[in-house]
Protein backbone atom coordinates (compact mmCIF):
# COMPACT_ATOMS: atom_id res chain seq x y z
CA UNK A 1 -13.68 15.77 34.50
CA UNK A 2 -14.54 12.01 33.18
CA UNK A 3 -15.32 11.97 29.67
CA UNK A 4 -17.80 9.10 28.49
CA UNK A 5 -17.55 7.46 24.85
CA UNK A 6 -20.14 8.37 22.55
CA UNK A 7 -20.99 4.93 21.98
CA UNK A 8 -23.43 4.87 18.62
CA UNK A 9 -24.57 8.13 18.26
CA UNK A 10 -24.86 9.35 14.81
CA UNK A 11 -22.81 11.95 13.21
CA UNK A 12 -22.97 15.16 14.54
CA UNK A 13 -24.42 16.81 11.08
CA UNK A 14 -27.41 15.31 9.45
CA UNK A 15 -28.62 15.86 6.16
CA UNK A 16 -32.44 15.48 5.51
CA UNK A 17 -33.44 13.81 2.40
CA UNK A 18 -36.02 14.45 0.56
CA UNK A 19 -39.35 15.19 2.43
CA UNK A 20 -37.48 14.46 5.44
CA UNK A 21 -38.37 17.64 7.73
CA UNK A 22 -40.55 16.76 10.39
CA UNK A 23 -38.92 15.59 13.73
CA UNK A 24 -41.36 12.56 13.79
CA UNK A 25 -39.89 11.07 10.60
CA UNK A 26 -36.18 12.41 11.70
CA UNK A 27 -36.70 10.75 15.14
CA UNK A 28 -37.31 7.03 13.24
CA UNK A 29 -33.95 7.70 11.40
CA UNK A 30 -31.68 8.33 13.76
CA UNK A 31 -33.15 6.96 17.21
CA UNK A 32 -30.21 5.26 19.39
CA UNK A 33 -30.44 3.13 22.30
CA UNK A 34 -29.35 5.07 25.83
CA UNK A 35 -26.74 2.40 26.82
CA UNK A 36 -25.87 3.92 29.76
CA UNK A 37 -27.49 3.84 33.23
CA UNK A 38 -25.29 5.96 34.94
CA UNK A 39 -24.69 8.28 33.47
CA UNK A 40 -28.25 9.46 32.28
CA UNK A 41 -28.05 10.27 28.63
CA UNK A 42 -30.64 12.76 27.02
CA UNK A 43 -31.04 12.77 23.07
CA UNK A 44 -31.60 15.67 21.33
CA UNK A 45 -31.89 17.14 17.71
CA UNK A 46 -31.30 20.82 16.72
CA UNK A 47 -32.43 21.80 13.32
CA UNK A 48 -30.38 24.94 11.99
CA UNK A 49 -32.11 28.22 11.95
CA UNK A 50 -33.81 29.58 8.66
CA UNK A 51 -33.02 33.37 10.01
CA UNK A 52 -29.71 32.90 9.05
CA UNK A 53 -28.03 32.48 5.30
CA UNK A 54 -25.63 29.89 6.55
CA UNK A 55 -27.93 28.24 9.57
CA UNK A 56 -26.29 29.94 12.16
CA UNK A 57 -24.50 28.52 15.38
CA UNK A 58 -25.47 26.50 18.60
CA UNK A 59 -23.69 25.53 21.66
CA UNK A 60 -24.69 24.73 25.54
CA UNK A 61 -24.10 26.36 28.97
CA UNK A 62 -21.75 24.99 30.90
CA UNK A 63 -24.07 24.96 33.86
CA UNK A 64 -27.01 23.33 32.02
CA UNK A 65 -28.72 21.05 35.01
CA UNK A 66 -31.68 18.53 35.11
CA UNK A 67 -34.08 18.22 38.48
CA UNK A 68 -36.64 16.07 39.22
CA UNK A 69 -40.20 18.33 38.69
CA UNK A 70 -41.38 20.02 42.22
CA UNK A 71 -37.69 19.36 43.44
CA UNK A 72 -34.80 21.98 44.04
CA UNK A 73 -32.37 19.07 43.59
CA UNK A 74 -29.86 19.80 40.75
CA UNK A 75 -27.83 17.13 38.54
CA UNK A 76 -25.50 19.13 36.45
CA UNK A 77 -23.90 18.32 33.54
CA UNK A 78 -21.09 16.02 33.18
CA UNK A 79 -20.42 15.94 29.49
CA UNK A 80 -21.88 17.16 26.23
CA UNK A 81 -21.55 14.93 22.98
CA UNK A 82 -21.22 16.19 19.43
CA UNK A 83 -22.27 19.98 20.82
CA UNK A 84 -19.61 22.00 21.84
CA UNK A 85 -20.06 23.67 25.58
CA UNK A 86 -20.05 27.81 25.34
CA UNK A 87 -18.20 29.36 24.51
CA UNK A 88 -17.35 27.48 21.87
CA UNK A 89 -19.64 27.07 18.93
CA UNK A 90 -21.11 24.86 16.18
CA UNK A 91 -21.43 26.70 13.02
CA UNK A 92 -23.72 25.60 10.57
CA UNK A 93 -23.28 25.28 6.79
CA UNK A 94 -26.69 25.51 5.43
CA UNK A 95 -30.34 26.17 6.81
CA UNK A 96 -31.21 22.37 5.95
CA UNK A 97 -28.41 21.19 8.55
CA UNK A 98 -29.10 19.38 11.63
CA UNK A 99 -27.43 18.80 15.14
CA UNK A 100 -27.92 15.31 17.06
CA UNK A 101 -26.29 15.98 20.32
CA UNK A 102 -26.39 14.24 23.87
CA UNK A 103 -26.10 15.46 27.32
CA UNK A 104 -24.99 13.39 30.00
CA UNK A 105 -26.20 14.26 33.78
CA UNK A 106 -25.68 11.63 37.09
CA UNK A 107 -28.53 9.26 37.46
CA UNK A 108 -31.82 9.82 38.91
CA UNK A 109 -33.47 8.10 41.54
CA UNK A 110 -35.50 5.52 39.99
CA UNK A 111 -38.74 6.84 41.19
CA UNK A 112 -38.60 10.06 39.52
CA UNK A 113 -40.96 10.31 36.44
CA UNK A 114 -40.87 13.78 35.08
CA UNK A 115 -37.74 16.31 34.72
CA UNK A 116 -37.09 19.96 33.75
CA UNK A 117 -33.91 20.42 31.72
CA UNK A 118 -32.43 23.83 32.30
CA UNK A 119 -29.32 25.53 30.38
CA UNK A 120 -30.36 28.79 31.91
CA UNK A 121 -32.15 30.15 34.88
CA UNK A 122 -34.17 33.38 33.75
CA UNK A 123 -36.06 34.39 30.88
CA UNK A 124 -35.52 34.80 27.08
CA UNK A 125 -35.96 32.08 24.33
CA UNK A 126 -32.77 31.57 23.50
CA UNK A 127 -31.96 28.90 26.25
CA UNK A 128 -32.87 25.28 25.83
CA UNK A 129 -34.85 24.89 28.73
CA UNK A 130 -37.15 22.16 28.93
CA UNK A 131 -40.06 21.59 31.63
CA UNK A 132 -42.22 18.64 32.88
CA UNK A 133 -40.49 16.07 30.19
CA UNK A 134 -41.23 12.45 30.90
CA UNK A 135 -38.59 10.15 31.98
CA UNK A 136 -39.93 7.73 28.93
CA UNK A 137 -39.74 10.53 26.48
CA UNK A 138 -36.19 10.81 28.14
CA UNK A 139 -35.21 7.22 27.83
CA UNK A 140 -36.68 6.13 24.75
CA UNK A 141 -37.03 9.32 22.56
CA UNK A 142 -35.16 12.20 20.81
CA UNK A 143 -36.00 15.65 22.22
CA UNK A 144 -36.47 18.29 19.28
CA UNK A 145 -34.97 21.01 20.36
CA UNK A 146 -37.08 23.41 17.66
CA UNK A 147 -39.01 22.97 14.83
CA UNK A 148 -37.89 22.51 11.13
CA UNK A 149 -40.55 24.94 9.33
CA UNK A 150 -41.14 24.31 5.77
CA UNK A 151 -40.18 26.86 2.95
């Protein structure tokens, strides 16, 4: 498997400052430029769970793929940056931790306007599945995986 450089991705754990708990505010602080055309880089932000004292853990499944909306064509994960691939896990230290990570996929045809990002086919709410994501968001934004709730 070819590994691509992490480029200008921020540190894997980002501590929020006072009042910095919404995904919109965090996006302004950590957005990086998508410097690859091939592969396609999709940036994500995951907030540690307030369900667990230490924030819990996270990883990405190796079979993760993207597909153009309305298509059966799958583009499988090339590399994960700043998030372990299962069965390895990233363990948070506190409930206020955040994990910025990027997933690399093969380049898509230029006419693709929306994609599905699928970690696991099937039901359940523990998977990082996103449907009908605009390519504008992929290229210019960070996808919040979950929303941090105020205590």
